[in-house]
Amino acid sequence: MTDDITQRIRAIIAEQAMLEPDQITDDATPAELGIDSLGLVESIFAIEEEFDISIPFNANEPEKSDFDISNMGTIIAAVHRLVAEKAE
């Protein structure tokens, strides 16, 4: 069963990609989902707002970011980590 945080992230990404949340798989990349750089930034803002967290992502230099955006699984894991850190 998928946890609440994962479901909420998938819903945000699905809205941006114009897909159903169950179409968002852990190994899918943003590009494979049809999410361009602007869509990715909008998704990150939506995730930050949804969870009241700050994501360490620089859209100008994503390869230097501390936030791994290589696929949905890494994005979900990173958000889980940030939410847990906030709760401490």
C-alpha atoms as a PDB file:
ATOM      1  CA  MET A   1       0.000   0.000   0.000  1.00  0.00           C
ATOM      2  CA  THR A   2       1.216   3.481  -0.820  1.00  0.00           C
ATOM      3  CA  ASP A   3       1.600   5.933   2.054  1.00  0.00           C
ATOM      4  CA  ASP A   4      -0.121   9.316   2.240  1.00  0.00           C
ATOM      5  CA  ILE A   5       2.977  11.384   1.382  1.00  0.00           C
ATOM      6  CA  THR A   6       3.656   9.315  -1.723  1.00  0.00           C
ATOM      7  CA  GLN A   7       0.014   9.554  -2.813  1.00  0.00           C
ATOM      8  CA  ARG A   8       0.027  13.335  -2.412  1.00  0.00           C
ATOM      9  CA  ILE A   9       3.282  13.699  -4.376  1.00  0.00           C
ATOM     10  CA  ARG A  10       1.955  11.477  -7.159  1.00  0.00           C
ATOM     11  CA  ALA A  11      -1.247  13.540  -7.301  1.00  0.00           C
ATOM     12  CA  ILE A  12       0.775  16.757  -7.687  1.00  0.00           C
ATOM     13  CA  ILE A  13       2.999  15.272 -10.387  1.00  0.00           C
ATOM     14  CA  ALA A  14       0.010  13.698 -12.153  1.00  0.00           C
ATOM     15  CA  GLU A  15      -1.780  17.040 -12.283  1.00  0.00           C
ATOM     16  CA  GLN A  16       1.273  18.671 -13.854  1.00  0.00           C
ATOM     17  CA  ALA A  17       1.700  15.790 -16.331  1.00  0.00           C
ATOM     18  CA  MET A  18      -2.044  15.577 -17.056  1.00  0.00           C
ATOM     19  CA  LEU A  19      -2.047  11.906 -16.076  1.00  0.00           C
ATOM     20  CA  GLU A  20      -3.755   9.794 -13.449  1.00  0.00           C
ATOM     21  CA  PRO A  21      -1.783   9.351 -10.195  1.00  0.00           C
ATOM     22  CA  ASP A  22      -1.561   5.585 -10.726  1.00  0.00           C
ATOM     23  CA  GLN A  23       0.330   6.268 -13.976  1.00  0.00           C
ATOM     24  CA  ILE A  24       3.188   7.848 -11.995  1.00  0.00           C
ATOM     25  CA  THR A  25       5.694   5.043 -11.425  1.00  0.00           C
ATOM     26  CA  ASP A  26       8.826   5.278  -9.297  1.00  0.00           C
ATOM     27  CA  ASP A  27      11.149   4.711 -12.248  1.00  0.00           C
ATOM     28  CA  ALA A  28       9.520   7.326 -14.514  1.00  0.00           C
ATOM     29  CA  THR A  29      11.580  10.440 -15.190  1.00  0.00           C
ATOM     30  CA  PRO A  30       9.982  13.876 -15.391  1.00  0.00           C
ATOM     31  CA  ALA A  31      10.749  13.930 -19.133  1.00  0.00           C
ATOM     32  CA  GLU A  32       9.069  10.544 -19.652  1.00  0.00           C
ATOM     33  CA  LEU A  33       5.971  11.953 -17.975  1.00  0.00           C
ATOM     34  CA  GLY A  34       6.004  14.959 -20.296  1.00  0.00           C
ATOM     35  CA  ILE A  35       7.115  17.402 -17.605  1.00  0.00           C
ATOM     36  CA  ASP A  36       9.434  20.097 -18.946  1.00  0.00           C
ATOM     37  CA  SER A  37      11.705  22.327 -16.847  1.00  0.00           C
ATOM     38  CA  LEU A  38       8.944  24.852 -16.130  1.00  0.00           C
ATOM     39  CA  GLY A  39       6.556  22.064 -15.177  1.00  0.00           C
ATOM     40  CA  LEU A  40       9.193  20.619 -12.883  1.00  0.00           C
ATOM     41  CA  VAL A  41       9.656  23.954 -11.120  1.00  0.00           C
ATOM     42  CA  GLU A  42       5.877  24.305 -10.752  1.00  0.00           C
ATOM     43  CA  SER A  43       5.691  20.776  -9.337  1.00  0.00           C
ATOM     44  CA  ILE A  44       8.452  21.544  -6.842  1.00  0.00           C
ATOM     45  CA  PHE A  45       6.658  24.715  -5.718  1.00  0.00           C
ATOM     46  CA  ALA A  46       3.423  22.728  -5.307  1.00  0.00           C
ATOM     47  CA  ILE A  47       5.201  20.036  -3.268  1.00  0.00           C
ATOM     48  CA  GLU A  48       6.835  22.695  -1.065  1.00  0.00           C
ATOM     49  CA  GLU A  49       3.449  24.281  -0.442  1.00  0.00           C
ATOM     50  CA  GLU A  50       1.673  20.957   0.164  1.00  0.00           C
ATOM     51  CA  PHE A  51       4.173  19.808   2.809  1.00  0.00           C
ATOM     52  CA  ASP A  52       5.387  23.203   4.090  1.00  0.00           C
ATOM     53  CA  ILE A  53       8.998  22.318   3.286  1.00  0.00           C
ATOM     54  CA  SER A  54      11.830  23.973   1.387  1.00  0.00           C
ATOM     55  CA  ILE A  55      13.303  21.872  -1.406  1.00  0.00           C
ATOM     56  CA  PRO A  56      17.004  22.564  -2.097  1.00  0.00           C
ATOM     57  CA  PHE A  57      16.651  22.720  -5.877  1.00  0.00           C
ATOM     58  CA  ASN A  58      18.265  25.211  -8.242  1.00  0.00           C
ATOM     59  CA  ALA A  59      16.422  25.175 -11.570  1.00  0.00           C
ATOM     60  CA  ASN A  60      19.311  26.997 -13.224  1.00  0.00           C
ATOM     61  CA  GLU A  61      21.793  24.290 -12.198  1.00  0.00           C
ATOM     62  CA  PRO A  62      19.802  21.130 -11.435  1.00  0.00           C
ATOM     63  CA  GLU A  63      22.916  18.944 -11.664  1.00  0.00           C
ATOM     64  CA  LYS A  64      24.395  20.853  -8.693  1.00  0.00           C
ATOM     65  CA  SER A  65      21.236  20.514  -6.630  1.00  0.00           C
ATOM     66  CA  ASP A  66      21.022  18.542  -3.390  1.00  0.00           C
ATOM     67  CA  PHE A  67      17.587  17.363  -4.546  1.00  0.00           C
ATOM     68  CA  ASP A  68      17.738  14.352  -6.897  1.00  0.00           C
ATOM     69  CA  ILE A  69      15.158  14.716  -9.672  1.00  0.00           C
ATOM     70  CA  SER A  70      16.328  11.789 -11.805  1.00  0.00           C
ATOM     71  CA  ASN A  71      13.056   9.893 -11.371  1.00  0.00           C
ATOM     72  CA  MET A  72       9.869   9.859  -9.329  1.00  0.00           C
ATOM     73  CA  GLY A  73      11.284   7.379  -6.812  1.00  0.00           C
ATOM     74  CA  THR A  74      14.190   9.678  -5.936  1.00  0.00           C
ATOM     75  CA  ILE A  75      11.876  12.700  -5.740  1.00  0.00           C
ATOM     76  CA  ILE A  76       9.478  10.829  -3.440  1.00  0.00           C
ATOM     77  CA  ALA A  77      12.341   9.577  -1.225  1.00  0.00           C
ATOM     78  CA  ALA A  78      13.806  13.085  -0.947  1.00  0.00           C
ATOM     79  CA  VAL A  79      10.444  14.592   0.015  1.00  0.00           C
ATOM     80  CA  HIS A  80       9.952  11.859   2.641  1.00  0.00           C
ATOM     81  CA  ARG A  81      13.369  12.780   4.074  1.00  0.00           C
ATOM     82  CA  LEU A  82      12.572  16.522   4.133  1.00  0.00           C
ATOM     83  CA  VAL A  83       9.186  15.933   5.780  1.00  0.00           C
ATOM     84  CA  ALA A  84      10.828  13.711   8.428  1.00  0.00           C
ATOM     85  CA  GLU A  85      13.532  16.336   9.090  1.00  0.00           C
ATOM     86  CA  LYS A  86      10.849  18.993   9.523  1.00  0.00           C
ATOM     87  CA  ALA A  87       9.024  16.801  12.053  1.00  0.00           C
ATOM     88  CA  GLU A  88      12.130  16.437  14.255  1.00  0.00           C
END
